[in-house]
Amino acid sequence: MKLPAMTDQPNRNTDQKEMLHPRNKHRDRYDFPSLIKANPQLSDYVSVNPYGDLSVDFKDPDAVKALNQSLLKYFYGIELWDIPKGYLCPPIPGRADYLHYLADLLAEPAEAEIPTGKHIKILDIGVGANCIYPLIGHSEYGWTFVGSETDSLALKNAKGIVDANLLSKVISIRKQSSSSNIFSGVIRPGEKFDATICNPPFHASRQAAMEGSGRKWKNLRGQNHDKDLLNFGGQNTELWCEGGEERFVRQMIKESLQFSSNCRWFTSLISKKETLPACYRDLSYHGATAVKTINMSQGQKKSRILAWTFQHRDTQAG
C-alpha cells in the first residue's frame, strides 16, 4: 500500500469533511440509506434536519450509538458492537484519523510502504468499553492489537466485542491492575510493539469534565444542558484524572523510558496544545531520539498526536 500525495491545504469540496486524513473512509457525508441498510435500527433516529439533509440528533446518546453501530458494520465489518450505558461513545471519523496518521508514522523507515498485516503489533492504553481503535485498526491494516484497561466493566465489554466478532486471535484485552501504572503490568518481558496509542483523560476533575460537556451541549442545543448528562457519555476514568491530560502524558513519558526497547514509537492523542511544552521538556530530559507532533483536524476540532521514540532509525527499520 503506497502513501497518497499529502497536502496541507483543506479540502474545499463541501460534500467532504474538511481536513480528515486522505485515507479516512468518512471524508464524504454519511450515506444514511446505505447505513440504514447495514443497520435497520438506525432508521429510528434518522430524520431531515433544518438544512434539508438526512441526519441524526447528536444530542441523543442512543442515536449516536446506533450511528456508530452502522458505521462499524458498513465500513469495517463489525457485526456486533455495543457499550454499557454511560460509557464513552466515540466519534468514529476522528478515531480512524489517529490510526491513519499512525500508519504514516510507521511507514517512515520504509520510505513509502505502509506496513500491514498481523506482524504489526499495537498497544492501546485505555482501550475502553468501546474497543474502537483495535476494531478499526485491524480492519484497515490487518494489525494485531493488545488493549489495556483498568475498569472491570469496560474490560468485560471490550472482551465481549472481540469474542462476538471472532477477533480474539488478533485483539487481546489485558487488565491493568494498578491505576498508577501505564505500561508496567501490561507489557510482558521481551514483548515487542511497533507502537503504542492512547486517548488520555484530558480533564483534571469531574467539574472540568462537566464544564467541557456544557460547552458541547450549548453548541448542539443552543441552550443550557442537563449537567448530569455528559455528551457522548464517559466514565470518570475516560474523561478526567488528577492533573488532567498533562500529568497523565508526562507520567507516560517517564514510564516509557523503562520500556524503550519494547516499543518503536510511543504515541498519545493531545487535546490541548498547552500540554505540549512540558512534554517536550520531559522528552528532551529523558533523551528521546526523535519527537514528532502530528496535527489533526476534524472540522472545528483541532488535536494532535505526540509521538516519541528512544530508538535510532536503523533500530526501528530492523
C-alpha atoms as a PDB file:
ATOM      1  CA  MET A   1       0.000   0.000   0.000  1.00  0.00           C
ATOM      2  CA  LYS A   2       1.574   3.269  -1.116  1.00  0.00           C
ATOM      3  CA  LEU A   3       1.205   6.616   0.598  1.00  0.00           C
ATOM      4  CA  PRO A   4      -1.011   9.085  -1.283  1.00  0.00           C
ATOM      5  CA  ALA A   5       0.161  12.565  -2.124  1.00  0.00           C
ATOM      6  CA  MET A   6      -0.172  14.713   1.001  1.00  0.00           C
ATOM      7  CA  THR A   7      -1.295  18.316   1.170  1.00  0.00           C
ATOM      8  CA  ASP A   8      -1.593  20.905   3.897  1.00  0.00           C
ATOM      9  CA  GLN A   9      -4.479  22.596   2.115  1.00  0.00           C
ATOM     10  CA  PRO A  10      -8.033  21.978   3.371  1.00  0.00           C
ATOM     11  CA  ASN A  11     -10.422  20.067   1.152  1.00  0.00           C
ATOM     12  CA  ARG A  12     -12.802  22.624  -0.332  1.00  0.00           C
ATOM     13  CA  ASN A  13     -15.417  20.143  -1.524  1.00  0.00           C
ATOM     14  CA  THR A  14     -18.444  20.895   0.659  1.00  0.00           C
ATOM     15  CA  ASP A  15     -19.564  17.272   0.281  1.00  0.00           C
ATOM     16  CA  GLN A  16     -16.453  16.141   2.123  1.00  0.00           C
ATOM     17  CA  LYS A  17     -15.434  16.655   5.730  1.00  0.00           C
ATOM     18  CA  GLU A  18     -12.594  19.088   5.834  1.00  0.00           C
ATOM     19  CA  MET A  19      -9.125  18.025   6.866  1.00  0.00           C
ATOM     20  CA  LEU A  20      -9.715  14.336   7.562  1.00  0.00           C
ATOM     21  CA  HIS A  21      -6.830  12.096   6.532  1.00  0.00           C
ATOM     22  CA  PRO A  22      -6.822  11.249   2.784  1.00  0.00           C
ATOM     23  CA  ARG A  23      -7.388   7.543   3.539  1.00  0.00           C
ATOM     24  CA  ASN A  24     -10.195   8.188   6.029  1.00  0.00           C
ATOM     25  CA  LYS A  25     -13.377   6.474   4.798  1.00  0.00           C
ATOM     26  CA  HIS A  26     -15.513   9.160   6.443  1.00  0.00           C
ATOM     27  CA  ARG A  27     -14.472  12.137   4.344  1.00  0.00           C
ATOM     28  CA  ASP A  28     -17.781  12.059   2.465  1.00  0.00           C
ATOM     29  CA  ARG A  29     -21.118  12.893   4.031  1.00  0.00           C
ATOM     30  CA  TYR A  30     -22.853   9.991   5.700  1.00  0.00           C
ATOM     31  CA  ASP A  31     -24.796   7.865   3.229  1.00  0.00           C
ATOM     32  CA  PHE A  32     -27.749   7.219   5.509  1.00  0.00           C
ATOM     33  CA  PRO A  33     -29.691   4.919   3.151  1.00  0.00           C
ATOM     34  CA  SER A  34     -26.662   2.611   2.962  1.00  0.00           C
ATOM     35  CA  LEU A  35     -26.038   2.861   6.704  1.00  0.00           C
ATOM     36  CA  ILE A  36     -29.673   2.027   7.439  1.00  0.00           C
ATOM     37  CA  LYS A  37     -29.435  -0.976   5.130  1.00  0.00           C
ATOM     38  CA  ALA A  38     -26.434  -2.166   7.160  1.00  0.00           C
ATOM     39  CA  ASN A  39     -28.211  -1.496  10.462  1.00  0.00           C
ATOM     40  CA  PRO A  40     -32.008  -1.105  10.117  1.00  0.00           C
ATOM     41  CA  GLN A  41     -32.321   0.127  13.722  1.00  0.00           C
ATOM     42  CA  LEU A  42     -30.643   3.359  12.652  1.00  0.00           C
ATOM     43  CA  SER A  43     -33.817   4.325  10.769  1.00  0.00           C
ATOM     44  CA  ASP A  44     -35.498   5.092  14.114  1.00  0.00           C
ATOM     45  CA  TYR A  45     -33.103   8.004  14.608  1.00  0.00           C
ATOM     46  CA  VAL A  46     -32.706   9.453  11.110  1.00  0.00           C
ATOM     47  CA  SER A  47     -34.735  12.496  10.058  1.00  0.00           C
ATOM     48  CA  VAL A  48     -34.438  15.566   7.868  1.00  0.00           C
ATOM     49  CA  ASN A  49     -32.584  18.375   9.636  1.00  0.00           C
ATOM     50  CA  PRO A  50     -33.280  22.138   9.231  1.00  0.00           C
ATOM     51  CA  TYR A  51     -30.859  22.212   6.286  1.00  0.00           C
ATOM     52  CA  GLY A  52     -32.849  19.615   4.376  1.00  0.00           C
ATOM     53  CA  ASP A  53     -30.302  16.823   4.889  1.00  0.00           C
ATOM     54  CA  LEU A  54     -30.742  13.418   6.468  1.00  0.00           C
ATOM     55  CA  SER A  55     -29.081  13.331   9.883  1.00  0.00           C
ATOM     56  CA  VAL A  56     -29.387  12.089  13.445  1.00  0.00           C
ATOM     57  CA  ASP A  57     -29.864  14.040  16.658  1.00  0.00           C
ATOM     58  CA  PHE A  58     -26.360  14.149  18.097  1.00  0.00           C
ATOM     59  CA  LYS A  59     -27.826  15.153  21.459  1.00  0.00           C
ATOM     60  CA  ASP A  60     -29.384  11.698  21.728  1.00  0.00           C
ATOM     61  CA  PRO A  61     -26.899   9.089  23.042  1.00  0.00           C
ATOM     62  CA  ASP A  62     -28.970   6.259  21.570  1.00  0.00           C
ATOM     63  CA  ALA A  63     -28.865   7.900  18.134  1.00  0.00           C
ATOM     64  CA  VAL A  64     -25.091   8.348  18.331  1.00  0.00           C
ATOM     65  CA  LYS A  65     -24.641   4.714  19.360  1.00  0.00           C
ATOM     66  CA  ALA A  66     -26.872   3.490  16.509  1.00  0.00           C
ATOM     67  CA  LEU A  67     -24.838   5.603  14.070  1.00  0.00           C
ATOM     68  CA  ASN A  68     -21.602   4.095  15.381  1.00  0.00           C
ATOM     69  CA  GLN A  69     -23.002   0.584  15.060  1.00  0.00           C
ATOM     70  CA  SER A  70     -23.905   1.319  11.440  1.00  0.00           C
ATOM     71  CA  LEU A  71     -20.525   2.848  10.609  1.00  0.00           C
ATOM     72  CA  LEU A  72     -18.628  -0.026  12.176  1.00  0.00           C
ATOM     73  CA  LYS A  73     -20.696  -2.610  10.333  1.00  0.00           C
ATOM     74  CA  TYR A  74     -20.798  -0.863   6.949  1.00  0.00           C
ATOM     75  CA  PHE A  75     -17.170   0.263   6.743  1.00  0.00           C
ATOM     76  CA  TYR A  76     -15.282  -2.169   8.980  1.00  0.00           C
ATOM     77  CA  GLY A  77     -17.303  -5.380   9.012  1.00  0.00           C
ATOM     78  CA  ILE A  78     -18.011  -5.275  12.748  1.00  0.00           C
ATOM     79  CA  GLU A  79     -21.284  -7.160  13.083  1.00  0.00           C
ATOM     80  CA  LEU A  80     -21.837  -6.807  16.828  1.00  0.00           C
ATOM     81  CA  TRP A  81     -20.920  -3.716  18.840  1.00  0.00           C
ATOM     82  CA  ASP A  82     -22.459  -2.189  21.936  1.00  0.00           C
ATOM     83  CA  ILE A  83     -21.374  -0.302  25.049  1.00  0.00           C
ATOM     84  CA  PRO A  84     -22.838  -0.112  28.553  1.00  0.00           C
ATOM     85  CA  LYS A  85     -24.983   2.896  29.345  1.00  0.00           C
ATOM     86  CA  GLY A  86     -22.915   5.912  30.366  1.00  0.00           C
ATOM     87  CA  TYR A  87     -19.683   4.772  28.730  1.00  0.00           C
ATOM     88  CA  LEU A  88     -17.840   6.761  26.082  1.00  0.00           C
ATOM     89  CA  CYS A  89     -19.361   6.536  22.599  1.00  0.00           C
ATOM     90  CA  PRO A  90     -16.504   7.806  20.434  1.00  0.00           C
ATOM     91  CA  PRO A  91     -16.814   9.713  17.149  1.00  0.00           C
ATOM     92  CA  ILE A  92     -15.614   7.188  14.562  1.00  0.00           C
ATOM     93  CA  PRO A  93     -14.047   9.568  11.979  1.00  0.00           C
ATOM     94  CA  GLY A  94     -11.632  11.096  14.492  1.00  0.00           C
ATOM     95  CA  ARG A  95     -10.599   7.727  15.893  1.00  0.00           C
ATOM     96  CA  ALA A  96      -9.917   6.471  12.377  1.00  0.00           C
ATOM     97  CA  ASP A  97      -7.779   9.542  11.684  1.00  0.00           C
ATOM     98  CA  TYR A  98      -5.413   8.704  14.557  1.00  0.00           C
ATOM     99  CA  LEU A  99      -4.820   5.240  13.096  1.00  0.00           C
ATOM    100  CA  HIS A 100      -4.193   6.511   9.567  1.00  0.00           C
ATOM    101  CA  TYR A 101      -1.627   9.016  10.793  1.00  0.00           C
ATOM    102  CA  LEU A 102      -0.053   6.284  12.907  1.00  0.00           C
ATOM    103  CA  ALA A 103       0.232   4.144   9.759  1.00  0.00           C
ATOM    104  CA  ASP A 104       2.071   7.013   8.064  1.00  0.00           C
ATOM    105  CA  LEU A 105       4.428   7.244  11.045  1.00  0.00           C
ATOM    106  CA  LEU A 106       5.187   3.521  10.918  1.00  0.00           C
ATOM    107  CA  ALA A 107       5.824   3.782   7.186  1.00  0.00           C
ATOM    108  CA  GLU A 108       8.623   6.319   7.551  1.00  0.00           C
ATOM    109  CA  PRO A 109      11.545   3.891   7.879  1.00  0.00           C
ATOM    110  CA  ALA A 110      10.295   2.136   4.735  1.00  0.00           C
ATOM    111  CA  GLU A 111      10.141   5.456   2.874  1.00  0.00           C
ATOM    112  CA  ALA A 112       6.686   4.919   1.333  1.00  0.00           C
ATOM    113  CA  GLU A 113       5.282   1.489   2.139  1.00  0.00           C
ATOM    114  CA  ILE A 114       2.614   1.361   4.839  1.00  0.00           C
ATOM    115  CA  PRO A 115       3.111  -1.742   6.982  1.00  0.00           C
ATOM    116  CA  THR A 116       0.121  -4.066   7.043  1.00  0.00           C
ATOM    117  CA  GLY A 117      -0.563  -7.483   8.464  1.00  0.00           C
ATOM    118  CA  LYS A 118      -0.637  -9.331  11.771  1.00  0.00           C
ATOM    119  CA  HIS A 119       3.090  -8.928  12.384  1.00  0.00           C
ATOM    120  CA  ILE A 120       2.483  -5.234  13.194  1.00  0.00           C
ATOM    121  CA  LYS A 121       1.586  -5.094  16.883  1.00  0.00           C
ATOM    122  CA  ILE A 122      -0.029  -2.088  18.561  1.00  0.00           C
ATOM    123  CA  LEU A 123      -0.679  -1.464  22.274  1.00  0.00           C
ATOM    124  CA  ASP A 124      -3.806   0.585  23.055  1.00  0.00           C
ATOM    125  CA  ILE A 125      -3.557   2.153  26.509  1.00  0.00           C
ATOM    126  CA  GLY A 126      -7.064   2.500  27.924  1.00  0.00           C
ATOM    127  CA  VAL A 127      -8.921   0.526  25.271  1.00  0.00           C
ATOM    128  CA  GLY A 128     -12.263   1.379  26.872  1.00  0.00           C
ATOM    129  CA  ALA A 129     -15.574  -0.435  26.700  1.00  0.00           C
ATOM    130  CA  ASN A 130     -15.846   0.533  23.023  1.00  0.00           C
ATOM    131  CA  CYS A 131     -12.565  -1.129  21.863  1.00  0.00           C
ATOM    132  CA  ILE A 132     -12.712   1.240  18.915  1.00  0.00           C
ATOM    133  CA  TYR A 133      -9.053   1.594  17.936  1.00  0.00           C
ATOM    134  CA  PRO A 134      -8.325  -2.151  17.674  1.00  0.00           C
ATOM    135  CA  LEU A 135     -11.516  -2.758  15.682  1.00  0.00           C
ATOM    136  CA  ILE A 136     -10.755  -0.078  13.110  1.00  0.00           C
ATOM    137  CA  GLY A 137      -7.005  -0.674  13.045  1.00  0.00           C
ATOM    138  CA  HIS A 138      -7.305  -4.381  12.379  1.00  0.00           C
ATOM    139  CA  SER A 139      -9.958  -3.864   9.704  1.00  0.00           C
ATOM    140  CA  GLU A 140      -7.971  -1.166   7.905  1.00  0.00           C
ATOM    141  CA  TYR A 141      -4.448  -2.556   8.173  1.00  0.00           C
ATOM    142  CA  GLY A 142      -4.670  -6.106   9.500  1.00  0.00           C
ATOM    143  CA  TRP A 143      -2.654  -5.166  12.597  1.00  0.00           C
ATOM    144  CA  THR A 144      -2.633  -7.125  15.854  1.00  0.00           C
ATOM    145  CA  PHE A 145      -3.676  -5.256  18.992  1.00  0.00           C
ATOM    146  CA  VAL A 146      -3.344  -5.506  22.738  1.00  0.00           C
ATOM    147  CA  GLY A 147      -5.686  -3.261  24.709  1.00  0.00           C
ATOM    148  CA  SER A 148      -5.183  -2.445  28.390  1.00  0.00           C
ATOM    149  CA  GLU A 149      -7.960  -1.352  30.735  1.00  0.00           C
ATOM    150  CA  THR A 150      -8.358  -0.606  34.462  1.00  0.00           C
ATOM    151  CA  ASP A 151     -12.174  -0.512  34.551  1.00  0.00           C
ATOM    152  CA  SER A 152     -13.618  -4.005  35.077  1.00  0.00           C
ATOM    153  CA  LEU A 153     -16.904  -3.421  33.250  1.00  0.00           C
ATOM    154  CA  ALA A 154     -15.145  -1.742  30.316  1.00  0.00           C
ATOM    155  CA  LEU A 155     -12.707  -4.669  30.199  1.00  0.00           C
ATOM    156  CA  LYS A 156     -15.538  -7.196  30.146  1.00  0.00           C
ATOM    157  CA  ASN A 157     -17.407  -5.324  27.434  1.00  0.00           C
ATOM    158  CA  ALA A 158     -14.319  -4.926  25.222  1.00  0.00           C
ATOM    159  CA  LYS A 159     -13.614  -8.653  25.516  1.00  0.00           C
ATOM    160  CA  GLY A 160     -17.240  -9.365  24.651  1.00  0.00           C
ATOM    161  CA  ILE A 161     -16.992  -7.285  21.465  1.00  0.00           C
ATOM    162  CA  VAL A 162     -13.786  -9.047  20.439  1.00  0.00           C
ATOM    163  CA  ASP A 163     -15.234 -12.514  21.049  1.00  0.00           C
ATOM    164  CA  ALA A 164     -18.556 -11.717  19.355  1.00  0.00           C
ATOM    165  CA  ASN A 165     -16.734 -10.679  16.191  1.00  0.00           C
ATOM    166  CA  LEU A 166     -14.322 -13.659  16.253  1.00  0.00           C
ATOM    167  CA  LEU A 167     -11.274 -11.426  16.646  1.00  0.00           C
ATOM    168  CA  SER A 168      -9.659 -12.971  19.725  1.00  0.00           C
ATOM    169  CA  LYS A 169      -6.655 -14.189  17.693  1.00  0.00           C
ATOM    170  CA  VAL A 170      -5.745 -10.630  16.675  1.00  0.00           C
ATOM    171  CA  ILE A 171      -7.087  -8.496  19.543  1.00  0.00           C
ATOM    172  CA  SER A 172      -6.385  -9.300  23.193  1.00  0.00           C
ATOM    173  CA  ILE A 173      -7.602  -7.299  26.191  1.00  0.00           C
ATOM    174  CA  ARG A 174      -5.496  -7.158  29.355  1.00  0.00           C
ATOM    175  CA  LYS A 175      -6.340  -5.945  32.828  1.00  0.00           C
ATOM    176  CA  GLN A 176      -4.203  -3.106  34.161  1.00  0.00           C
ATOM    177  CA  SER A 177      -4.438  -3.792  37.889  1.00  0.00           C
ATOM    178  CA  SER A 178      -2.646  -0.631  39.011  1.00  0.00           C
ATOM    179  CA  SER A 179      -4.219   2.762  38.394  1.00  0.00           C
ATOM    180  CA  SER A 180      -0.807   4.391  38.925  1.00  0.00           C
ATOM    181  CA  ASN A 181       0.935   2.418  36.166  1.00  0.00           C
ATOM    182  CA  ILE A 182       0.587   2.731  32.418  1.00  0.00           C
ATOM    183  CA  PHE A 183       2.931   0.220  30.785  1.00  0.00           C
ATOM    184  CA  SER A 184       4.098  -1.726  33.843  1.00  0.00           C
ATOM    185  CA  GLY A 185       1.941  -4.785  34.384  1.00  0.00           C
ATOM    186  CA  VAL A 186       0.754  -4.785  30.757  1.00  0.00           C
ATOM    187  CA  ILE A 187       3.868  -5.182  28.610  1.00  0.00           C
ATOM    188  CA  ARG A 188       5.310  -8.634  29.206  1.00  0.00           C
ATOM    189  CA  PRO A 189       9.056  -9.364  29.441  1.00  0.00           C
ATOM    190  CA  GLY A 190      10.596  -9.373  25.988  1.00  0.00           C
ATOM    191  CA  GLU A 191       7.346  -8.368  24.280  1.00  0.00           C
ATOM    192  CA  LYS A 192       7.719  -6.045  21.288  1.00  0.00           C
ATOM    193  CA  PHE A 193       5.301  -3.445  19.925  1.00  0.00           C
ATOM    194  CA  ASP A 194       5.558  -1.311  16.828  1.00  0.00           C
ATOM    195  CA  ALA A 195       3.650   1.490  18.540  1.00  0.00           C
ATOM    196  CA  THR A 196       1.517   2.411  21.500  1.00  0.00           C
ATOM    197  CA  ILE A 197      -1.591   4.581  21.213  1.00  0.00           C
ATOM    198  CA  CYS A 198      -3.618   6.389  23.845  1.00  0.00           C
ATOM    199  CA  ASN A 199      -6.577   8.725  24.139  1.00  0.00           C
ATOM    200  CA  PRO A 200      -5.850  10.050  27.636  1.00  0.00           C
ATOM    201  CA  PRO A 201      -8.378  11.555  30.038  1.00  0.00           C
ATOM    202  CA  PHE A 202      -7.835  15.263  29.416  1.00  0.00           C
ATOM    203  CA  HIS A 203      -9.791  16.939  32.228  1.00  0.00           C
ATOM    204  CA  ALA A 204      -8.261  17.493  35.655  1.00  0.00           C
ATOM    205  CA  SER A 205     -11.511  16.999  37.603  1.00  0.00           C
ATOM    206  CA  ARG A 206     -15.123  15.910  37.226  1.00  0.00           C
ATOM    207  CA  GLN A 207     -16.164  19.565  37.419  1.00  0.00           C
ATOM    208  CA  ALA A 208     -13.906  20.428  34.495  1.00  0.00           C
ATOM    209  CA  ALA A 209     -15.347  17.486  32.545  1.00  0.00           C
ATOM    210  CA  MET A 210     -18.878  18.725  33.219  1.00  0.00           C
ATOM    211  CA  GLU A 211     -17.981  22.232  32.102  1.00  0.00           C
ATOM    212  CA  GLY A 212     -16.492  20.847  28.890  1.00  0.00           C
ATOM    213  CA  SER A 213     -19.658  18.856  28.318  1.00  0.00           C
ATOM    214  CA  GLY A 214     -21.662  22.016  28.918  1.00  0.00           C
ATOM    215  CA  ARG A 215     -19.865  23.805  26.119  1.00  0.00           C
ATOM    216  CA  LYS A 216     -20.553  20.900  23.757  1.00  0.00           C
ATOM    217  CA  TRP A 217     -24.204  20.804  24.677  1.00  0.00           C
ATOM    218  CA  LYS A 218     -24.556  24.538  24.226  1.00  0.00           C
ATOM    219  CA  ASN A 219     -23.095  24.217  20.734  1.00  0.00           C
ATOM    220  CA  LEU A 220     -25.503  21.382  19.933  1.00  0.00           C
ATOM    221  CA  ARG A 221     -28.634  22.776  21.544  1.00  0.00           C
ATOM    222  CA  GLY A 222     -28.029  26.478  21.661  1.00  0.00           C
ATOM    223  CA  GLN A 223     -29.131  26.396  25.296  1.00  0.00           C
ATOM    224  CA  ASN A 224     -28.103  25.167  28.736  1.00  0.00           C
ATOM    225  CA  HIS A 225     -27.695  21.441  29.247  1.00  0.00           C
ATOM    226  CA  ASP A 226     -28.557  18.952  31.926  1.00  0.00           C
ATOM    227  CA  LYS A 227     -25.305  18.859  33.900  1.00  0.00           C
ATOM    228  CA  ASP A 228     -25.823  15.237  34.875  1.00  0.00           C
ATOM    229  CA  LEU A 229     -25.529  14.143  31.255  1.00  0.00           C
ATOM    230  CA  LEU A 230     -22.129  14.057  29.585  1.00  0.00           C
ATOM    231  CA  ASN A 231     -22.114  14.414  25.820  1.00  0.00           C
ATOM    232  CA  PHE A 232     -21.287  11.051  24.161  1.00  0.00           C
ATOM    233  CA  GLY A 233     -21.145   9.523  27.658  1.00  0.00           C
ATOM    234  CA  GLY A 234     -17.967   8.727  29.508  1.00  0.00           C
ATOM    235  CA  GLN A 235     -16.930   7.367  32.874  1.00  0.00           C
ATOM    236  CA  ASN A 236     -14.599   9.206  35.238  1.00  0.00           C
ATOM    237  CA  THR A 237     -11.513   7.271  34.100  1.00  0.00           C
ATOM    238  CA  GLU A 238     -12.332   8.018  30.464  1.00  0.00           C
ATOM    239  CA  LEU A 239     -12.755  11.768  30.894  1.00  0.00           C
ATOM    240  CA  TRP A 240     -10.636  13.005  33.781  1.00  0.00           C
ATOM    241  CA  CYS A 241      -7.799  12.175  36.145  1.00  0.00           C
ATOM    242  CA  GLU A 242      -5.897  14.136  38.768  1.00  0.00           C
ATOM    243  CA  GLY A 243      -3.662  16.597  36.969  1.00  0.00           C
ATOM    244  CA  GLY A 244      -5.510  16.094  33.702  1.00  0.00           C
ATOM    245  CA  GLU A 245      -4.019  15.328  30.319  1.00  0.00           C
ATOM    246  CA  GLU A 246      -0.628  16.913  31.016  1.00  0.00           C
ATOM    247  CA  ARG A 247       0.096  14.904  34.130  1.00  0.00           C
ATOM    248  CA  PHE A 248      -1.075  11.668  32.501  1.00  0.00           C
ATOM    249  CA  VAL A 249       1.071  12.082  29.389  1.00  0.00           C
ATOM    250  CA  ARG A 250       4.107  13.175  31.389  1.00  0.00           C
ATOM    251  CA  GLN A 251       3.751  10.035  33.507  1.00  0.00           C
ATOM    252  CA  MET A 252       3.525   8.059  30.281  1.00  0.00           C
ATOM    253  CA  ILE A 253       6.728   9.662  29.021  1.00  0.00           C
ATOM    254  CA  LYS A 254       8.551   8.902  32.258  1.00  0.00           C
ATOM    255  CA  GLU A 255       7.412   5.277  32.290  1.00  0.00           C
ATOM    256  CA  SER A 256       8.083   4.781  28.575  1.00  0.00           C
ATOM    257  CA  LEU A 257      11.822   5.119  29.193  1.00  0.00           C
ATOM    258  CA  GLN A 258      11.694   1.822  31.092  1.00  0.00           C
ATOM    259  CA  PHE A 259      10.209   0.141  28.008  1.00  0.00           C
ATOM    260  CA  SER A 260      12.289   1.918  25.380  1.00  0.00           C
ATOM    261  CA  SER A 261      13.469  -1.351  23.831  1.00  0.00           C
ATOM    262  CA  ASN A 262       9.951  -2.820  23.765  1.00  0.00           C
ATOM    263  CA  CYS A 263       8.332  -0.180  21.535  1.00  0.00           C
ATOM    264  CA  ARG A 264       9.395   1.544  18.330  1.00  0.00           C
ATOM    265  CA  TRP A 265       7.065   4.509  18.842  1.00  0.00           C
ATOM    266  CA  PHE A 266       5.108   5.746  21.824  1.00  0.00           C
ATOM    267  CA  THR A 267       2.188   7.999  20.907  1.00  0.00           C
ATOM    268  CA  SER A 268      -0.658   9.828  22.592  1.00  0.00           C
ATOM    269  CA  LEU A 269      -3.524  11.989  21.452  1.00  0.00           C
ATOM    270  CA  ILE A 270      -3.121  15.547  22.789  1.00  0.00           C
ATOM    271  CA  SER A 271      -6.287  17.626  23.002  1.00  0.00           C
ATOM    272  CA  LYS A 272      -4.773  20.773  24.492  1.00  0.00           C
ATOM    273  CA  LYS A 273      -1.801  22.429  22.823  1.00  0.00           C
ATOM    274  CA  GLU A 274      -0.851  23.841  26.241  1.00  0.00           C
ATOM    275  CA  THR A 275       0.089  20.281  27.224  1.00  0.00           C
ATOM    276  CA  LEU A 276       2.944  20.129  24.719  1.00  0.00           C
ATOM    277  CA  PRO A 277       5.704  22.381  26.199  1.00  0.00           C
ATOM    278  CA  ALA A 278       6.080  20.366  29.405  1.00  0.00           C
ATOM    279  CA  CYS A 279       6.034  17.135  27.412  1.00  0.00           C
ATOM    280  CA  TYR A 280       8.756  18.423  25.097  1.00  0.00           C
ATOM    281  CA  ARG A 281      10.930  19.311  28.096  1.00  0.00           C
ATOM    282  CA  ASP A 282      10.439  15.863  29.611  1.00  0.00           C
ATOM    283  CA  LEU A 283      11.249  14.116  26.349  1.00  0.00           C
ATOM    284  CA  SER A 284      14.435  16.129  25.987  1.00  0.00           C
ATOM    285  CA  TYR A 285      15.396  15.393  29.595  1.00  0.00           C
ATOM    286  CA  HIS A 286      14.823  11.650  29.168  1.00  0.00           C
ATOM    287  CA  GLY A 287      16.789  11.518  25.911  1.00  0.00           C
ATOM    288  CA  ALA A 288      14.161  10.740  23.275  1.00  0.00           C
ATOM    289  CA  THR A 289      15.942  10.267  19.942  1.00  0.00           C
ATOM    290  CA  ALA A 290      13.007  11.590  17.902  1.00  0.00           C
ATOM    291  CA  VAL A 291       9.868  13.552  18.732  1.00  0.00           C
ATOM    292  CA  LYS A 292       7.060  14.317  16.293  1.00  0.00           C
ATOM    293  CA  THR A 293       3.861  16.337  16.608  1.00  0.00           C
ATOM    294  CA  ILE A 294       1.224  15.369  14.054  1.00  0.00           C
ATOM    295  CA  ASN A 295      -1.587  17.886  13.680  1.00  0.00           C
ATOM    296  CA  MET A 296      -5.114  16.661  13.025  1.00  0.00           C
ATOM    297  CA  SER A 297      -8.342  18.489  12.320  1.00  0.00           C
ATOM    298  CA  GLN A 298     -11.953  17.364  12.166  1.00  0.00           C
ATOM    299  CA  GLY A 299     -13.968  20.420  11.254  1.00  0.00           C
ATOM    300  CA  GLN A 300     -13.585  22.948  14.070  1.00  0.00           C
ATOM    301  CA  LYS A 301     -11.945  20.434  16.402  1.00  0.00           C
ATOM    302  CA  LYS A 302      -8.158  20.632  16.482  1.00  0.00           C
ATOM    303  CA  SER A 303      -5.981  17.991  18.074  1.00  0.00           C
ATOM    304  CA  ARG A 304      -2.596  16.442  17.603  1.00  0.00           C
ATOM    305  CA  ILE A 305      -0.645  13.242  18.119  1.00  0.00           C
ATOM    306  CA  LEU A 306       2.559  13.405  20.137  1.00  0.00           C
ATOM    307  CA  ALA A 307       4.977  10.641  19.116  1.00  0.00           C
ATOM    308  CA  TRP A 308       8.393   9.816  20.528  1.00  0.00           C
ATOM    309  CA  THR A 309      10.984   7.072  20.426  1.00  0.00           C
ATOM    310  CA  PHE A 310      14.193   6.185  22.232  1.00  0.00           C
ATOM    311  CA  GLN A 311      15.385   4.004  19.377  1.00  0.00           C
ATOM    312  CA  HIS A 312      17.576   5.078  16.482  1.00  0.00           C
ATOM    313  CA  ARG A 313      16.366   4.931  12.909  1.00  0.00           C
ATOM    314  CA  ASP A 314      18.385   1.857  11.975  1.00  0.00           C
ATOM    315  CA  THR A 315      16.990   0.027  15.002  1.00  0.00           C
ATOM    316  CA  GLN A 316      13.429   0.971  14.014  1.00  0.00           C
ATOM    317  CA  ALA A 317      13.909  -0.229  10.454  1.00  0.00           C
ATOM    318  CA  GLY A 318      15.165  -3.524  11.737  1.00  0.00           C
END
